C-alpha atoms as a PDB file:
ATOM      1  CA  MET A   1       6.870 -11.279   7.251  1.00  0.00           C
ATOM      2  CA  THR A   2       8.360 -13.926   4.754  1.00  0.00           C
ATOM      3  CA  SER A   3       6.214 -13.337   1.734  1.00  0.00           C
ATOM      4  CA  ALA A   4       7.965 -13.660  -1.645  1.00  0.00           C
ATOM      5  CA  ASN A   5       5.699 -10.952  -2.980  1.00  0.00           C
ATOM      6  CA  ALA A   6       5.622  -8.396  -0.147  1.00  0.00           C
ATOM      7  CA  VAL A   7       4.995  -4.814  -1.094  1.00  0.00           C
ATOM      8  CA  LEU A   8       5.280  -1.808   1.253  1.00  0.00           C
ATOM      9  CA  LEU A   9       3.046   1.005   0.194  1.00  0.00           C
ATOM     10  CA  ILE A  10       3.901   4.350   1.845  1.00  0.00           C
ATOM     11  CA  GLY A  11       1.922   7.695   1.514  1.00  0.00           C
ATOM     12  CA  ASN A  12       0.357  10.536   3.442  1.00  0.00           C
ATOM     13  CA  ASP A  13      -3.127  10.147   2.059  1.00  0.00           C
ATOM     14  CA  GLU A  14      -4.648   7.245   3.953  1.00  0.00           C
ATOM     15  CA  ASP A  15      -7.533   6.749   1.553  1.00  0.00           C
ATOM     16  CA  LEU A  16      -5.254   6.711  -1.494  1.00  0.00           C
ATOM     17  CA  VAL A  17      -2.879   4.224   0.295  1.00  0.00           C
ATOM     18  CA  LYS A  18      -5.848   1.941   1.168  1.00  0.00           C
ATOM     19  CA  LEU A  19      -7.173   2.153  -2.445  1.00  0.00           C
ATOM     20  CA  ARG A  20      -3.759   1.292  -3.929  1.00  0.00           C
ATOM     21  CA  GLY A  21      -3.358  -1.470  -1.311  1.00  0.00           C
ATOM     22  CA  LYS A  22      -6.735  -3.027  -2.408  1.00  0.00           C
ATOM     23  CA  VAL A  23      -5.669  -2.899  -6.081  1.00  0.00           C
ATOM     24  CA  LEU A  24      -2.289  -4.576  -5.386  1.00  0.00           C
ATOM     25  CA  ARG A  25      -3.903  -7.254  -3.068  1.00  0.00           C
ATOM     26  CA  ALA A  26      -6.412  -8.063  -5.759  1.00  0.00           C
ATOM     27  CA  ALA A  27      -3.470  -8.667  -8.068  1.00  0.00           C
ATOM     28  CA  GLY A  28      -2.061 -11.174  -5.644  1.00  0.00           C
ATOM     29  CA  PHE A  29       0.541  -9.159  -3.695  1.00  0.00           C
ATOM     30  CA  ASP A  30       1.080  -9.191   0.076  1.00  0.00           C
ATOM     31  CA  VAL A  31       0.638  -5.444   0.788  1.00  0.00           C
ATOM     32  CA  HIS A  32       1.711  -3.609   3.913  1.00  0.00           C
ATOM     33  CA  GLU A  33       0.512  -0.065   4.266  1.00  0.00           C
ATOM     34  CA  ALA A  34       2.251   2.733   6.084  1.00  0.00           C
ATOM     35  CA  ILE A  35       1.002   6.222   6.706  1.00  0.00           C
ATOM     36  CA  THR A  36       3.821   7.247   9.177  1.00  0.00           C
ATOM     37  CA  ASP A  37       7.583   7.013   9.091  1.00  0.00           C
ATOM     38  CA  ALA A  38       7.538   4.730  12.151  1.00  0.00           C
ATOM     39  CA  ALA A  39       5.136   2.284  10.475  1.00  0.00           C
ATOM     40  CA  ALA A  40       7.259   2.164   7.345  1.00  0.00           C
ATOM     41  CA  LYS A  41      10.399   1.541   9.463  1.00  0.00           C
ATOM     42  CA  ALA A  42       8.695  -1.268  11.383  1.00  0.00           C
ATOM     43  CA  VAL A  43       7.698  -3.075   8.212  1.00  0.00           C
ATOM     44  CA  LEU A  44      11.172  -2.653   6.642  1.00  0.00           C
ATOM     45  CA  GLN A  45      12.826  -3.913   9.813  1.00  0.00           C
ATOM     46  CA  ALA A  46      10.558  -7.009   9.892  1.00  0.00           C
ATOM     47  CA  GLY A  47      12.170  -8.054   6.697  1.00  0.00           C
ATOM     48  CA  ASP A  48      11.639  -9.390   3.225  1.00  0.00           C
ATOM     49  CA  VAL A  49       9.932  -6.454   1.541  1.00  0.00           C
ATOM     50  CA  ARG A  50      10.477  -6.966  -2.175  1.00  0.00           C
ATOM     51  CA  VAL A  51       9.069  -3.667  -3.524  1.00  0.00           C
ATOM     52  CA  VAL A  52       8.525  -0.321  -1.903  1.00  0.00           C
ATOM     53  CA  VAL A  53       5.829   1.954  -3.503  1.00  0.00           C
ATOM     54  CA  LEU A  54       6.356   5.668  -2.596  1.00  0.00           C
ATOM     55  CA  CYS A  55       3.189   7.736  -3.083  1.00  0.00           C
ATOM     56  CA  HIS A  56       3.408  11.121  -4.749  1.00  0.00           C
ATOM     57  CA  THR A  57       1.857  12.610  -1.471  1.00  0.00           C
ATOM     58  CA  LEU A  58       5.161  12.247   0.377  1.00  0.00           C
ATOM     59  CA  HIS A  59       7.287  15.387   0.546  1.00  0.00           C
ATOM     60  CA  ASP A  60      11.062  15.305  -0.075  1.00  0.00           C
ATOM     61  CA  GLY A  61      12.016  15.051   3.525  1.00  0.00           C
ATOM     62  CA  GLN A  62       9.828  12.005   4.046  1.00  0.00           C
ATOM     63  CA  LEU A  63      11.110  10.467   0.796  1.00  0.00           C
ATOM     64  CA  ASN A  64      14.708  10.890   1.903  1.00  0.00           C
ATOM     65  CA  LYS A  65      13.934   9.412   5.345  1.00  0.00           C
ATOM     66  CA  VAL A  66      12.262   6.314   3.767  1.00  0.00           C
ATOM     67  CA  LEU A  67      15.163   5.913   1.351  1.00  0.00           C
ATOM     68  CA  ASP A  68      17.558   5.903   4.275  1.00  0.00           C
ATOM     69  CA  GLN A  69      15.469   3.224   5.881  1.00  0.00           C
ATOM     70  CA  VAL A  70      15.349   1.113   2.760  1.00  0.00           C
ATOM     71  CA  GLU A  71      19.102   1.384   2.201  1.00  0.00           C
ATOM     72  CA  GLY A  72      19.689   0.531   5.884  1.00  0.00           C
ATOM     73  CA  THR A  73      18.005  -2.906   5.702  1.00  0.00           C
ATOM     74  CA  ASP A  74      19.411  -6.227   4.632  1.00  0.00           C
ATOM     75  CA  ASN A  75      16.417  -7.193   2.490  1.00  0.00           C
ATOM     76  CA  PRO A  76      16.523  -6.713  -1.303  1.00  0.00           C
ATOM     77  CA  ALA A  77      14.124  -3.826  -1.285  1.00  0.00           C
ATOM     78  CA  GLY A  78      16.648  -1.750  -3.218  1.00  0.00           C
ATOM     79  CA  LEU A  79      13.808  -2.056  -5.666  1.00  0.00           C
ATOM     80  CA  VAL A  80      11.982   1.171  -5.150  1.00  0.00           C
ATOM     81  CA  LEU A  81       8.944   2.200  -7.241  1.00  0.00           C
ATOM     82  CA  LEU A  82       8.259   5.951  -7.091  1.00  0.00           C
ATOM     83  CA  LEU A  83       4.893   7.419  -7.982  1.00  0.00           C
ATOM     84  CA  ARG A  84       5.485  10.996  -8.939  1.00  0.00           C
ATOM     85  CA  SER A  85       3.137  13.847  -9.693  1.00  0.00           C
ATOM     86  CA  GLY A  86       3.677  15.722 -12.900  1.00  0.00           C
ATOM     87  CA  VAL A  87       6.614  18.167 -12.884  1.00  0.00           C
ATOM     88  CA  ARG A  88       7.226  18.005  -9.181  1.00  0.00           C
ATOM     89  CA  SER A  89      10.977  17.361  -8.537  1.00  0.00           C
ATOM     90  CA  GLN A  90      11.692  14.618  -6.035  1.00  0.00           C
ATOM     91  CA  GLY A  91      15.493  14.692  -6.251  1.00  0.00           C
ATOM     92  CA  ARG A  92      17.118  11.712  -4.671  1.00  0.00           C
ATOM     93  CA  ALA A  93      13.974   9.635  -4.686  1.00  0.00           C
ATOM     94  CA  MET A  94      13.698  10.180  -8.444  1.00  0.00           C
ATOM     95  CA  GLU A  95      17.285   9.093  -8.911  1.00  0.00           C
ATOM     96  CA  SER A  96      16.853   6.008  -6.785  1.00  0.00           C
ATOM     97  CA  ALA A  97      13.585   4.828  -8.318  1.00  0.00           C
ATOM     98  CA  ASP A  98      13.686   1.739 -10.523  1.00  0.00           C
ATOM     99  CA  ILE A  99      10.437   2.852 -12.092  1.00  0.00           C
ATOM    100  CA  ALA A 100       8.616   6.220 -12.008  1.00  0.00           C
ATOM    101  CA  LEU A 101       4.970   6.397 -12.742  1.00  0.00           C
ATOM    102  CA  ASP A 102       2.550   9.253 -12.742  1.00  0.00           C
ATOM    103  CA  PRO A 103      -0.474   8.744 -10.517  1.00  0.00           C
ATOM    104  CA  ALA A 104      -2.642   9.100 -13.571  1.00  0.00           C
ATOM    105  CA  ASP A 105      -1.082   6.025 -15.193  1.00  0.00           C
ATOM    106  CA  GLY A 106      -3.735   3.936 -13.475  1.00  0.00           C
ATOM    107  CA  PRO A 107      -3.860   0.606 -11.652  1.00  0.00           C
ATOM    108  CA  THR A 108      -2.880  -1.625 -14.601  1.00  0.00           C
ATOM    109  CA  ARG A 109       0.519   0.169 -14.951  1.00  0.00           C
ATOM    110  CA  LEU A 110       0.973   0.025 -11.190  1.00  0.00           C
ATOM    111  CA  ILE A 111       0.394  -3.670 -11.026  1.00  0.00           C
ATOM    112  CA  SER A 112       2.645  -4.216 -14.048  1.00  0.00           C
ATOM    113  CA  ALA A 113       5.420  -2.161 -12.554  1.00  0.00           C
ATOM    114  CA  VAL A 114       5.291  -3.906  -9.167  1.00  0.00           C
ATOM    115  CA  HIS A 115       5.169  -7.298 -10.870  1.00  0.00           C
ATOM    116  CA  GLY A 116       8.142  -6.415 -13.037  1.00  0.00           C
ATOM    117  CA  LEU A 117      10.253  -5.500  -9.853  1.00  0.00           C
ATOM    118  CA  MET A 118       9.510  -8.714  -8.077  1.00  0.00           C
ATOM    119  CA  PRO A 119      12.496 -11.120  -7.964  1.00  0.00           C
ATOM    120  CA  VAL A 120      12.183 -14.196 -10.056  1.00  0.00           C
ATOM    121  CA  GLN A 121      11.343 -17.291  -7.899  1.00  0.00           C
ATOM    122  CA  CYS A 122      13.464 -20.339  -8.481  1.00  0.00           C
END
């Protein structure tokens, strides 16, 4: 994968991941969807993911595992976007997130946040 606008979308709810993927693709992003830890790891290891979107459906253990995978890659995906649900604490993930959105913020805010985290192209 060599896309300059690659996004990795990770979550437990397959329908929700697919819906968010459609929204981001319609906005022009190259979206890779992962429902399992293994799928997320494979995409990260393939390279050049610019933004990682963590769905609020992931539990803390999964969030920590994904953060370990992101930090263990050479690509600049230190840009982590976290979607959180209300008052639920997500510890390390919350601290690592560049931007935190509530799922109720809607697609326009998601698109804007992902766009804002994309590196500037020279």
